[in-house]
Protein backbone atom coordinates (compact mmCIF):
# COMPACT_ATOMS: atom_id res chain seq x y z
CA UNK A 1 0.00 0.00 0.00
CA UNK A 2 1.12 3.54 -0.65
CA UNK A 3 0.60 6.66 1.40
CA UNK A 4 -2.65 8.48 0.75
CA UNK A 5 -3.20 12.21 0.42
CA UNK A 6 -5.74 13.81 2.70
CA UNK A 7 -7.40 17.18 2.12
CA UNK A 8 -9.85 19.34 4.01
CA UNK A 9 -12.58 17.60 1.97
CA UNK A 10 -11.74 13.97 2.79
CA UNK A 11 -9.88 14.15 6.12
CA UNK A 12 -12.73 13.63 8.59
CA UNK A 13 -14.48 10.98 6.51
CA UNK A 14 -11.25 9.01 6.00
CA UNK A 15 -10.53 9.01 9.73
CA UNK A 16 -14.13 8.11 10.57
CA UNK A 17 -14.08 5.17 8.13
CA UNK A 18 -10.68 3.83 9.26
CA UNK A 19 -10.74 0.53 11.15
CA UNK A 20 -6.98 0.74 11.84
CA UNK A 21 -4.76 3.53 13.20
CA UNK A 22 -4.01 6.37 10.76
CA UNK A 23 -0.57 8.00 10.86
CA UNK A 24 -0.90 11.50 9.39
CA UNK A 25 2.17 13.39 8.20
CA UNK A 26 1.47 17.12 8.20
CA UNK A 27 4.06 18.35 5.71
CA UNK A 28 4.89 21.10 3.21
CA UNK A 29 6.40 20.92 -0.28
CA UNK A 30 9.12 23.43 0.67
CA UNK A 31 10.20 21.46 3.78
CA UNK A 32 13.55 19.67 3.49
CA UNK A 33 13.04 17.27 6.42
CA UNK A 34 9.59 16.43 5.02
CA UNK A 35 11.16 15.39 1.71
CA UNK A 36 13.66 13.20 3.56
CA UNK A 37 10.82 11.57 5.52
CA UNK A 38 8.73 10.75 2.42
CA UNK A 39 10.55 7.50 1.47
CA UNK A 40 10.42 6.34 5.11
CA UNK A 41 6.65 6.83 5.09
CA UNK A 42 6.31 4.91 1.81
CA UNK A 43 8.27 1.99 3.32
CA UNK A 44 6.15 2.11 6.45
CA UNK A 45 2.96 2.11 4.36
CA UNK A 46 4.14 -1.08 2.64
CA UNK A 47 5.20 -2.69 5.93
CA UNK A 48 1.97 -1.83 7.75
CA UNK A 49 -0.43 -2.64 4.89
CA UNK A 50 -3.67 -3.78 6.53
CA UNK A 51 -2.46 -2.76 10.01
CA UNK A 52 -2.38 1.03 9.58
CA UNK A 53 -3.02 3.78 7.05
CA UNK A 54 -0.20 6.20 6.32
CA UNK A 55 -1.52 9.55 5.11
CA UNK A 56 -0.15 12.98 4.23
CA UNK A 57 -1.64 16.46 4.59
CA UNK A 58 -0.07 19.39 2.74
CA UNK A 59 -0.41 22.18 5.30
CA UNK A 60 -0.29 24.90 2.63
CA UNK A 61 -3.28 23.36 0.84
CA UNK A 62 -5.14 22.49 4.06
CA UNK A 63 -4.40 25.38 6.40
CA UNK A 64 -7.62 24.69 8.31
CA UNK A 65 -6.36 21.22 9.28
CA UNK A 66 -2.96 22.60 10.29
CA UNK A 67 -4.68 25.13 12.55
CA UNK A 68 -7.13 22.56 13.95
CA UNK A 69 -4.31 20.26 15.06
CA UNK A 70 -2.00 23.11 16.10
CA UNK A 71 0.70 22.22 13.60
CA UNK A 72 3.43 24.76 14.34
CA UNK A 73 6.31 23.06 12.56
CA UNK A 74 6.69 20.46 9.85
CA UNK A 75 6.86 17.59 9.70
CA UNK A 76 4.34 16.95 12.46
CA UNK A 77 3.18 13.35 12.71
CA UNK A 78 0.02 12.33 14.56
CA UNK A 79 -1.48 8.86 14.93
CA UNK A 80 -5.27 8.81 15.04
CA UNK A 81 -7.39 5.94 16.34
CA UNK A 82 -11.18 5.96 16.12
CA UNK A 83 -10.91 9.45 14.59
CA UNK A 84 -9.08 10.91 17.61
CA UNK A 85 -5.40 11.91 17.92
CA UNK A 86 -3.64 9.57 20.35
CA UNK A 87 0.09 10.13 19.92
CA UNK A 88 2.24 12.56 17.99
CA UNK A 89 5.72 13.89 17.38
CA UNK A 90 7.51 16.60 15.42
CA UNK A 91 10.51 16.42 13.13
CA UNK A 92 12.02 13.66 11.04
CA UNK A 93 11.78 10.25 12.70
CA UNK A 94 13.25 6.83 11.91
CA UNK A 95 10.86 4.19 10.65
CA UNK A 96 11.15 2.21 13.91
CA UNK A 97 9.96 5.20 15.96
CA UNK A 98 6.96 5.71 13.68
CA UNK A 99 6.13 2.01 13.80
CA UNK A 100 6.30 2.17 17.60
CA UNK A 101 3.80 5.06 17.59
CA UNK A 102 1.40 2.97 15.51
CA UNK A 103 1.87 0.03 17.88
CA UNK A 104 1.12 2.28 20.87
CA UNK A 105 -2.12 3.40 19.24
CA UNK A 106 -3.02 -0.17 18.30
CA UNK A 107 -2.44 -1.46 21.83
CA UNK A 108 -4.05 1.52 23.55
CA UNK A 109 -0.91 2.50 25.43
CA UNK A 110 -0.42 5.83 23.67
CA UNK A 111 0.27 9.03 25.51
CA UNK A 112 0.04 12.45 23.90
C-alpha atoms as a PDB file:
ATOM      1  CA  UNK A   1       0.000   0.000   0.000  1.00  0.00           C
ATOM      2  CA  UNK A   2       1.123   3.541  -0.649  1.00  0.00           C
ATOM      3  CA  UNK A   3       0.603   6.656   1.404  1.00  0.00           C
ATOM      4  CA  UNK A   4      -2.647   8.478   0.755  1.00  0.00           C
ATOM      5  CA  UNK A   5      -3.204  12.214   0.424  1.00  0.00           C
ATOM      6  CA  UNK A   6      -5.741  13.808   2.703  1.00  0.00           C
ATOM      7  CA  UNK A   7      -7.397  17.182   2.120  1.00  0.00           C
ATOM      8  CA  UNK A   8      -9.854  19.335   4.007  1.00  0.00           C
ATOM      9  CA  UNK A   9     -12.579  17.602   1.971  1.00  0.00           C
ATOM     10  CA  UNK A  10     -11.742  13.971   2.790  1.00  0.00           C
ATOM     11  CA  UNK A  11      -9.876  14.147   6.124  1.00  0.00           C
ATOM     12  CA  UNK A  12     -12.731  13.634   8.594  1.00  0.00           C
ATOM     13  CA  UNK A  13     -14.477  10.981   6.512  1.00  0.00           C
ATOM     14  CA  UNK A  14     -11.252   9.013   5.995  1.00  0.00           C
ATOM     15  CA  UNK A  15     -10.526   9.011   9.730  1.00  0.00           C
ATOM     16  CA  UNK A  16     -14.134   8.114  10.571  1.00  0.00           C
ATOM     17  CA  UNK A  17     -14.077   5.172   8.133  1.00  0.00           C
ATOM     18  CA  UNK A  18     -10.678   3.830   9.261  1.00  0.00           C
ATOM     19  CA  UNK A  19     -10.740   0.535  11.146  1.00  0.00           C
ATOM     20  CA  UNK A  20      -6.979   0.735  11.843  1.00  0.00           C
ATOM     21  CA  UNK A  21      -4.764   3.528  13.203  1.00  0.00           C
ATOM     22  CA  UNK A  22      -4.014   6.368  10.762  1.00  0.00           C
ATOM     23  CA  UNK A  23      -0.565   8.004  10.863  1.00  0.00           C
ATOM     24  CA  UNK A  24      -0.896  11.495   9.390  1.00  0.00           C
ATOM     25  CA  UNK A  25       2.171  13.391   8.195  1.00  0.00           C
ATOM     26  CA  UNK A  26       1.471  17.122   8.198  1.00  0.00           C
ATOM     27  CA  UNK A  27       4.062  18.350   5.706  1.00  0.00           C
ATOM     28  CA  UNK A  28       4.894  21.097   3.206  1.00  0.00           C
ATOM     29  CA  UNK A  29       6.398  20.916  -0.280  1.00  0.00           C
ATOM     30  CA  UNK A  30       9.125  23.428   0.672  1.00  0.00           C
ATOM     31  CA  UNK A  31      10.198  21.463   3.785  1.00  0.00           C
ATOM     32  CA  UNK A  32      13.551  19.670   3.490  1.00  0.00           C
ATOM     33  CA  UNK A  33      13.038  17.265   6.421  1.00  0.00           C
ATOM     34  CA  UNK A  34       9.585  16.428   5.020  1.00  0.00           C
ATOM     35  CA  UNK A  35      11.156  15.391   1.713  1.00  0.00           C
ATOM     36  CA  UNK A  36      13.661  13.196   3.563  1.00  0.00           C
ATOM     37  CA  UNK A  37      10.819  11.571   5.520  1.00  0.00           C
ATOM     38  CA  UNK A  38       8.729  10.746   2.423  1.00  0.00           C
ATOM     39  CA  UNK A  39      10.550   7.496   1.469  1.00  0.00           C
ATOM     40  CA  UNK A  40      10.422   6.336   5.106  1.00  0.00           C
ATOM     41  CA  UNK A  41       6.649   6.829   5.087  1.00  0.00           C
ATOM     42  CA  UNK A  42       6.311   4.914   1.811  1.00  0.00           C
ATOM     43  CA  UNK A  43       8.269   1.986   3.323  1.00  0.00           C
ATOM     44  CA  UNK A  44       6.150   2.109   6.452  1.00  0.00           C
ATOM     45  CA  UNK A  45       2.962   2.108   4.357  1.00  0.00           C
ATOM     46  CA  UNK A  46       4.143  -1.081   2.641  1.00  0.00           C
ATOM     47  CA  UNK A  47       5.204  -2.693   5.934  1.00  0.00           C
ATOM     48  CA  UNK A  48       1.968  -1.835   7.749  1.00  0.00           C
ATOM     49  CA  UNK A  49      -0.432  -2.636   4.894  1.00  0.00           C
ATOM     50  CA  UNK A  50      -3.669  -3.781   6.528  1.00  0.00           C
ATOM     51  CA  UNK A  51      -2.459  -2.756  10.009  1.00  0.00           C
ATOM     52  CA  UNK A  52      -2.377   1.034   9.576  1.00  0.00           C
ATOM     53  CA  UNK A  53      -3.021   3.779   7.050  1.00  0.00           C
ATOM     54  CA  UNK A  54      -0.199   6.204   6.318  1.00  0.00           C
ATOM     55  CA  UNK A  55      -1.516   9.551   5.107  1.00  0.00           C
ATOM     56  CA  UNK A  56      -0.147  12.976   4.230  1.00  0.00           C
ATOM     57  CA  UNK A  57      -1.636  16.457   4.588  1.00  0.00           C
ATOM     58  CA  UNK A  58      -0.073  19.389   2.742  1.00  0.00           C
ATOM     59  CA  UNK A  59      -0.406  22.182   5.300  1.00  0.00           C
ATOM     60  CA  UNK A  60      -0.294  24.896   2.635  1.00  0.00           C
ATOM     61  CA  UNK A  61      -3.279  23.360   0.838  1.00  0.00           C
ATOM     62  CA  UNK A  62      -5.144  22.489   4.057  1.00  0.00           C
ATOM     63  CA  UNK A  63      -4.399  25.375   6.395  1.00  0.00           C
ATOM     64  CA  UNK A  64      -7.616  24.693   8.311  1.00  0.00           C
ATOM     65  CA  UNK A  65      -6.364  21.223   9.283  1.00  0.00           C
ATOM     66  CA  UNK A  66      -2.965  22.599  10.290  1.00  0.00           C
ATOM     67  CA  UNK A  67      -4.680  25.126  12.545  1.00  0.00           C
ATOM     68  CA  UNK A  68      -7.126  22.561  13.948  1.00  0.00           C
ATOM     69  CA  UNK A  69      -4.313  20.256  15.063  1.00  0.00           C
ATOM     70  CA  UNK A  70      -2.001  23.110  16.101  1.00  0.00           C
ATOM     71  CA  UNK A  71       0.704  22.217  13.604  1.00  0.00           C
ATOM     72  CA  UNK A  72       3.429  24.759  14.336  1.00  0.00           C
ATOM     73  CA  UNK A  73       6.313  23.055  12.560  1.00  0.00           C
ATOM     74  CA  UNK A  74       6.689  20.456   9.845  1.00  0.00           C
ATOM     75  CA  UNK A  75       6.864  17.595   9.698  1.00  0.00           C
ATOM     76  CA  UNK A  76       4.338  16.954  12.456  1.00  0.00           C
ATOM     77  CA  UNK A  77       3.175  13.349  12.711  1.00  0.00           C
ATOM     78  CA  UNK A  78       0.015  12.334  14.556  1.00  0.00           C
ATOM     79  CA  UNK A  79      -1.477   8.855  14.929  1.00  0.00           C
ATOM     80  CA  UNK A  80      -5.275   8.808  15.045  1.00  0.00           C
ATOM     81  CA  UNK A  81      -7.385   5.943  16.338  1.00  0.00           C
ATOM     82  CA  UNK A  82     -11.177   5.958  16.119  1.00  0.00           C
ATOM     83  CA  UNK A  83     -10.908   9.446  14.595  1.00  0.00           C
ATOM     84  CA  UNK A  84      -9.085  10.909  17.609  1.00  0.00           C
ATOM     85  CA  UNK A  85      -5.404  11.913  17.919  1.00  0.00           C
ATOM     86  CA  UNK A  86      -3.640   9.573  20.350  1.00  0.00           C
ATOM     87  CA  UNK A  87       0.085  10.132  19.924  1.00  0.00           C
ATOM     88  CA  UNK A  88       2.239  12.564  17.987  1.00  0.00           C
ATOM     89  CA  UNK A  89       5.721  13.888  17.377  1.00  0.00           C
ATOM     90  CA  UNK A  90       7.514  16.597  15.416  1.00  0.00           C
ATOM     91  CA  UNK A  91      10.512  16.423  13.127  1.00  0.00           C
ATOM     92  CA  UNK A  92      12.018  13.662  11.043  1.00  0.00           C
ATOM     93  CA  UNK A  93      11.779  10.250  12.696  1.00  0.00           C
ATOM     94  CA  UNK A  94      13.254   6.832  11.914  1.00  0.00           C
ATOM     95  CA  UNK A  95      10.861   4.187  10.649  1.00  0.00           C
ATOM     96  CA  UNK A  96      11.146   2.208  13.906  1.00  0.00           C
ATOM     97  CA  UNK A  97       9.960   5.195  15.959  1.00  0.00           C
ATOM     98  CA  UNK A  98       6.956   5.713  13.679  1.00  0.00           C
ATOM     99  CA  UNK A  99       6.127   2.011  13.797  1.00  0.00           C
ATOM    100  CA  UNK A 100       6.297   2.169  17.604  1.00  0.00           C
ATOM    101  CA  UNK A 101       3.797   5.059  17.591  1.00  0.00           C
ATOM    102  CA  UNK A 102       1.400   2.969  15.508  1.00  0.00           C
ATOM    103  CA  UNK A 103       1.868   0.028  17.882  1.00  0.00           C
ATOM    104  CA  UNK A 104       1.115   2.277  20.868  1.00  0.00           C
ATOM    105  CA  UNK A 105      -2.118   3.395  19.240  1.00  0.00           C
ATOM    106  CA  UNK A 106      -3.024  -0.171  18.299  1.00  0.00           C
ATOM    107  CA  UNK A 107      -2.437  -1.459  21.830  1.00  0.00           C
ATOM    108  CA  UNK A 108      -4.053   1.517  23.550  1.00  0.00           C
ATOM    109  CA  UNK A 109      -0.913   2.500  25.427  1.00  0.00           C
ATOM    110  CA  UNK A 110      -0.416   5.828  23.669  1.00  0.00           C
ATOM    111  CA  UNK A 111       0.267   9.025  25.514  1.00  0.00           C
ATOM    112  CA  UNK A 112       0.041  12.452  23.899  1.00  0.00           C
END
